Amino acid sequence: MLFETKLTYTREYRFYIVWTCTNAAFLPVLYFLYPETSDRTLEDLDAYYRENPPLIVTRDKDSISRKRPEKFKAMQAEDVQRAVRSGSVQGGKGMMGAGEVAKHEEDRSEKSVV
């Protein structure tokens, strides 16, 4: 941190060249090694990383898609059904049942497409 701060205040053009090259070199790292996380829940990301994903994410269709993969939607519906059957989720004000969760997911998907 101290090293960066001192370089920032030197006002030499070489610092900006190094800074620009470092940022440009990091772009491929972001593209090839980090999965798409928009429209994903934390449970989706947890399930994704538990499946031992490939190091290069561009090879995995689920990690680069902009829409939420169907397998994660199915896993969430199963979790909701399991919770409803076990009685840990109760209906009432502020609580969603399995049908309401599915409708909410559909509405959310439609909004993200627009």
C-alpha atoms as a PDB file:
ATOM      1  CA  MET A   1       0.000   0.000   0.000  1.00  0.00           C
ATOM      2  CA  LEU A   2       2.782   2.409   0.886  1.00  0.00           C
ATOM      3  CA  PHE A   3       4.630   1.541  -2.330  1.00  0.00           C
ATOM      4  CA  GLU A   4       1.570   2.349  -4.435  1.00  0.00           C
ATOM      5  CA  THR A   5       0.908   5.606  -2.588  1.00  0.00           C
ATOM      6  CA  LYS A   6       4.444   6.894  -3.111  1.00  0.00           C
ATOM      7  CA  LEU A   7       4.308   6.010  -6.800  1.00  0.00           C
ATOM      8  CA  THR A   8       0.963   7.726  -7.209  1.00  0.00           C
ATOM      9  CA  TYR A   9       2.303  11.044  -6.022  1.00  0.00           C
ATOM     10  CA  THR A  10       5.507  11.024  -8.087  1.00  0.00           C
ATOM     11  CA  ARG A  11       3.661  12.266 -11.206  1.00  0.00           C
ATOM     12  CA  GLU A  12       6.052  10.478 -13.490  1.00  0.00           C
ATOM     13  CA  TYR A  13       4.586   9.126 -16.684  1.00  0.00           C
ATOM     14  CA  ARG A  14       6.275   5.742 -16.204  1.00  0.00           C
ATOM     15  CA  PHE A  15       4.000   4.942 -13.292  1.00  0.00           C
ATOM     16  CA  TYR A  16       0.915   5.356 -15.449  1.00  0.00           C
ATOM     17  CA  ILE A  17       2.384   3.097 -18.128  1.00  0.00           C
ATOM     18  CA  VAL A  18       3.023   0.367 -15.543  1.00  0.00           C
ATOM     19  CA  TRP A  19      -0.458   0.864 -14.076  1.00  0.00           C
ATOM     20  CA  THR A  20      -2.120   0.611 -17.498  1.00  0.00           C
ATOM     21  CA  CYS A  21      -0.153  -2.498 -18.456  1.00  0.00           C
ATOM     22  CA  THR A  22      -1.025  -4.186 -15.154  1.00  0.00           C
ATOM     23  CA  ASN A  23      -4.714  -3.501 -15.651  1.00  0.00           C
ATOM     24  CA  ALA A  24      -4.589  -4.674 -19.266  1.00  0.00           C
ATOM     25  CA  ALA A  25      -2.803  -7.877 -18.243  1.00  0.00           C
ATOM     26  CA  PHE A  26      -5.499  -8.633 -15.673  1.00  0.00           C
ATOM     27  CA  LEU A  27      -8.399  -8.504 -18.163  1.00  0.00           C
ATOM     28  CA  PRO A  28      -7.755 -12.007 -19.591  1.00  0.00           C
ATOM     29  CA  VAL A  29      -7.500 -13.346 -16.047  1.00  0.00           C
ATOM     30  CA  LEU A  30     -10.958 -11.983 -15.281  1.00  0.00           C
ATOM     31  CA  TYR A  31     -12.446 -13.297 -18.518  1.00  0.00           C
ATOM     32  CA  PHE A  32     -11.008 -16.818 -18.418  1.00  0.00           C
ATOM     33  CA  LEU A  33     -10.866 -17.614 -14.681  1.00  0.00           C
ATOM     34  CA  TYR A  34     -13.900 -15.945 -13.064  1.00  0.00           C
ATOM     35  CA  PRO A  35     -17.452 -17.261 -13.638  1.00  0.00           C
ATOM     36  CA  GLU A  36     -20.450 -15.040 -14.378  1.00  0.00           C
ATOM     37  CA  THR A  37     -22.209 -14.219 -11.106  1.00  0.00           C
ATOM     38  CA  SER A  38     -25.063 -11.995 -12.223  1.00  0.00           C
ATOM     39  CA  ASP A  39     -28.533 -13.446 -11.642  1.00  0.00           C
ATOM     40  CA  ARG A  40     -27.079 -16.132  -9.334  1.00  0.00           C
ATOM     41  CA  THR A  41     -27.871 -16.728  -5.696  1.00  0.00           C
ATOM     42  CA  LEU A  42     -25.217 -17.537  -3.123  1.00  0.00           C
ATOM     43  CA  GLU A  43     -26.571 -21.085  -3.036  1.00  0.00           C
ATOM     44  CA  ASP A  44     -26.017 -21.330  -6.809  1.00  0.00           C
ATOM     45  CA  LEU A  45     -22.416 -20.230  -6.461  1.00  0.00           C
ATOM     46  CA  ASP A  46     -21.884 -22.620  -3.571  1.00  0.00           C
ATOM     47  CA  ALA A  47     -23.269 -25.514  -5.636  1.00  0.00           C
ATOM     48  CA  TYR A  48     -21.158 -24.468  -8.618  1.00  0.00           C
ATOM     49  CA  TYR A  49     -17.913 -24.510  -6.642  1.00  0.00           C
ATOM     50  CA  ARG A  50     -18.789 -27.802  -4.913  1.00  0.00           C
ATOM     51  CA  GLU A  51     -18.949 -29.486  -8.333  1.00  0.00           C
ATOM     52  CA  ASN A  52     -15.206 -28.865  -8.906  1.00  0.00           C
ATOM     53  CA  PRO A  53     -15.553 -26.487 -11.856  1.00  0.00           C
ATOM     54  CA  PRO A  54     -12.840 -26.258 -14.506  1.00  0.00           C
ATOM     55  CA  LEU A  55     -10.082 -23.723 -14.036  1.00  0.00           C
ATOM     56  CA  ILE A  56     -10.801 -22.110 -17.412  1.00  0.00           C
ATOM     57  CA  VAL A  57     -14.457 -21.110 -17.098  1.00  0.00           C
ATOM     58  CA  THR A  58     -15.010 -20.456 -20.790  1.00  0.00           C
ATOM     59  CA  ARG A  59     -15.232 -24.248 -21.257  1.00  0.00           C
ATOM     60  CA  ASP A  60     -18.229 -24.509 -18.896  1.00  0.00           C
ATOM     61  CA  LYS A  61     -21.572 -23.463 -20.338  1.00  0.00           C
ATOM     62  CA  ASP A  62     -23.177 -22.826 -16.933  1.00  0.00           C
ATOM     63  CA  SER A  63     -20.423 -20.487 -15.778  1.00  0.00           C
ATOM     64  CA  ILE A  64     -20.555 -18.134 -18.772  1.00  0.00           C
ATOM     65  CA  SER A  65     -24.308 -17.939 -19.361  1.00  0.00           C
ATOM     66  CA  ARG A  66     -25.970 -14.655 -18.494  1.00  0.00           C
ATOM     67  CA  LYS A  67     -29.221 -16.337 -17.499  1.00  0.00           C
ATOM     68  CA  ARG A  68     -29.527 -18.490 -14.424  1.00  0.00           C
ATOM     69  CA  PRO A  69     -28.965 -22.134 -15.428  1.00  0.00           C
ATOM     70  CA  GLU A  70     -31.984 -24.447 -15.230  1.00  0.00           C
ATOM     71  CA  LYS A  71     -30.213 -26.915 -12.945  1.00  0.00           C
ATOM     72  CA  PHE A  72     -29.926 -24.224 -10.261  1.00  0.00           C
ATOM     73  CA  LYS A  73     -33.612 -23.341 -10.627  1.00  0.00           C
ATOM     74  CA  ALA A  74     -34.493 -27.026 -10.231  1.00  0.00           C
ATOM     75  CA  MET A  75     -32.261 -27.341  -7.165  1.00  0.00           C
ATOM     76  CA  GLN A  76     -33.974 -24.349  -5.566  1.00  0.00           C
ATOM     77  CA  ALA A  77     -37.433 -25.763  -6.287  1.00  0.00           C
ATOM     78  CA  GLU A  78     -36.385 -29.075  -4.704  1.00  0.00           C
ATOM     79  CA  ASP A  79     -35.064 -27.248  -1.636  1.00  0.00           C
ATOM     80  CA  VAL A  80     -38.322 -25.319  -1.285  1.00  0.00           C
ATOM     81  CA  GLN A  81     -40.399 -28.502  -1.662  1.00  0.00           C
ATOM     82  CA  ARG A  82     -38.238 -30.275   0.925  1.00  0.00           C
ATOM     83  CA  ALA A  83     -38.637 -27.354   3.345  1.00  0.00           C
ATOM     84  CA  VAL A  84     -42.414 -27.260   2.824  1.00  0.00           C
ATOM     85  CA  ARG A  85     -42.718 -31.032   3.396  1.00  0.00           C
ATOM     86  CA  SER A  86     -40.597 -30.915   6.536  1.00  0.00           C
ATOM     87  CA  GLY A  87     -42.677 -28.062   7.914  1.00  0.00           C
ATOM     88  CA  SER A  88     -39.741 -25.698   8.365  1.00  0.00           C
ATOM     89  CA  VAL A  89     -41.387 -23.183   6.011  1.00  0.00           C
ATOM     90  CA  GLN A  90     -44.780 -21.964   7.060  1.00  0.00           C
ATOM     91  CA  GLY A  91     -47.201 -19.939   5.001  1.00  0.00           C
ATOM     92  CA  GLY A  92     -48.232 -16.543   6.187  1.00  0.00           C
ATOM     93  CA  LYS A  93     -47.529 -12.905   5.722  1.00  0.00           C
ATOM     94  CA  GLY A  94     -44.048 -12.365   4.367  1.00  0.00           C
ATOM     95  CA  MET A  95     -43.458 -16.052   3.641  1.00  0.00           C
ATOM     96  CA  MET A  96     -43.535 -17.545   0.151  1.00  0.00           C
ATOM     97  CA  GLY A  97     -44.764 -21.009  -0.699  1.00  0.00           C
ATOM     98  CA  ALA A  98     -43.287 -23.176  -3.440  1.00  0.00           C
ATOM     99  CA  GLY A  99     -45.671 -21.826  -6.085  1.00  0.00           C
ATOM    100  CA  GLU A 100     -44.959 -18.244  -5.098  1.00  0.00           C
ATOM    101  CA  VAL A 101     -41.201 -18.876  -5.267  1.00  0.00           C
ATOM    102  CA  ALA A 102     -41.560 -20.318  -8.778  1.00  0.00           C
ATOM    103  CA  LYS A 103     -43.662 -17.318  -9.864  1.00  0.00           C
ATOM    104  CA  HIS A 104     -41.116 -14.950  -8.319  1.00  0.00           C
ATOM    105  CA  GLU A 105     -38.302 -16.697 -10.231  1.00  0.00           C
ATOM    106  CA  GLU A 106     -40.234 -16.383 -13.503  1.00  0.00           C
ATOM    107  CA  ASP A 107     -40.883 -12.679 -12.898  1.00  0.00           C
ATOM    108  CA  ARG A 108     -37.232 -12.149 -12.037  1.00  0.00           C
ATOM    109  CA  SER A 109     -36.130 -13.927 -15.220  1.00  0.00           C
ATOM    110  CA  GLU A 110     -38.463 -11.811 -17.350  1.00  0.00           C
ATOM    111  CA  LYS A 111     -37.153  -8.593 -15.800  1.00  0.00           C
ATOM    112  CA  SER A 112     -33.521  -9.575 -16.390  1.00  0.00           C
ATOM    113  CA  VAL A 113     -34.223 -10.241 -20.078  1.00  0.00           C
ATOM    114  CA  VAL A 114     -35.622  -6.733 -20.613  1.00  0.00           C
END
